[in-house]
């Protein structure tokens, strides 16, 4: 296969799960909007892995129905 070009920009599902240190099948279910409730630590890991801005991080926690923990206000 000549070159290693991706059809789309960004991280693959497997890469996000690996960087966030969570299981691929669990991350897939989360991404698909299945009825799971991620822990605050998982949300924080995802926010860091995705290099979310403080506003994006706040939105992630809001979507998950969680309060933003004080340590999550750190910059990426």
Protein backbone atom coordinates (compact mmCIF):
# COMPACT_ATOMS: atom_id res chain seq x y z
CA UNK A 1 0.00 0.00 0.00
CA UNK A 2 1.76 3.17 -1.14
CA UNK A 3 1.78 5.88 1.52
CA UNK A 4 -0.22 5.93 4.68
CA UNK A 5 -2.79 8.61 3.90
CA UNK A 6 -6.03 8.76 5.81
CA UNK A 7 -9.32 9.53 4.16
CA UNK A 8 -10.30 11.77 7.06
CA UNK A 9 -8.33 13.95 9.45
CA UNK A 10 -8.10 13.27 13.17
CA UNK A 11 -7.67 10.35 15.48
CA UNK A 12 -9.16 6.95 14.89
CA UNK A 13 -11.42 5.43 17.53
CA UNK A 14 -8.65 3.01 18.54
CA UNK A 15 -6.19 5.86 19.00
CA UNK A 16 -8.54 7.89 21.21
CA UNK A 17 -9.27 4.86 23.40
CA UNK A 18 -5.55 4.10 23.70
CA UNK A 19 -4.53 7.67 24.55
CA UNK A 20 -7.35 7.95 27.10
CA UNK A 21 -6.39 4.53 28.51
CA UNK A 22 -9.89 3.07 28.20
CA UNK A 23 -11.10 -0.07 26.45
CA UNK A 24 -11.93 0.14 22.77
CA UNK A 25 -15.27 -1.64 23.06
CA UNK A 26 -16.30 0.59 25.97
CA UNK A 27 -15.26 3.74 24.09
CA UNK A 28 -17.17 2.52 21.03
CA UNK A 29 -20.34 2.13 23.10
CA UNK A 30 -19.84 5.61 24.54
CA UNK A 31 -19.28 7.07 21.09
CA UNK A 32 -22.44 5.38 19.83
CA UNK A 33 -24.48 6.98 22.61
CA UNK A 34 -25.35 3.75 24.36
CA UNK A 35 -26.77 3.90 27.85
CA UNK A 36 -23.56 3.96 29.91
CA UNK A 37 -22.42 6.37 32.59
CA UNK A 38 -18.74 7.25 32.40
CA UNK A 39 -16.89 8.07 35.60
CA UNK A 40 -15.49 11.57 36.09
CA UNK A 41 -11.94 10.19 35.66
CA UNK A 42 -12.86 8.69 32.30
CA UNK A 43 -14.35 11.97 31.14
CA UNK A 44 -11.23 13.80 32.26
CA UNK A 45 -9.02 11.30 30.40
CA UNK A 46 -11.08 11.70 27.25
CA UNK A 47 -10.95 15.48 27.49
CA UNK A 48 -7.17 15.34 27.84
CA UNK A 49 -6.76 12.80 25.03
CA UNK A 50 -8.86 14.95 22.71
CA UNK A 51 -7.05 18.13 23.86
CA UNK A 52 -10.35 19.85 24.58
CA UNK A 53 -10.46 23.53 25.45
CA UNK A 54 -11.91 24.46 28.84
CA UNK A 55 -15.28 25.23 27.21
CA UNK A 56 -15.27 21.94 25.28
CA UNK A 57 -14.35 20.07 28.47
CA UNK A 58 -17.22 21.76 30.33
CA UNK A 59 -19.59 20.77 27.52
CA UNK A 60 -18.41 17.13 27.66
CA UNK A 61 -19.15 16.99 31.38
CA UNK A 62 -22.52 18.67 30.85
CA UNK A 63 -23.46 16.09 28.20
CA UNK A 64 -22.53 13.31 30.63
CA UNK A 65 -24.60 14.89 33.42
CA UNK A 66 -21.58 15.45 35.64
CA UNK A 67 -20.22 18.48 37.46
CA UNK A 68 -16.85 19.69 36.28
CA UNK A 69 -14.28 18.80 38.96
CA UNK A 70 -11.98 21.66 40.05
CA UNK A 71 -8.81 19.96 38.74
CA UNK A 72 -10.39 19.86 35.25
CA UNK A 73 -9.86 23.59 34.88
CA UNK A 74 -6.20 23.02 34.09
CA UNK A 75 -5.04 23.94 30.59
CA UNK A 76 -4.07 21.25 28.12
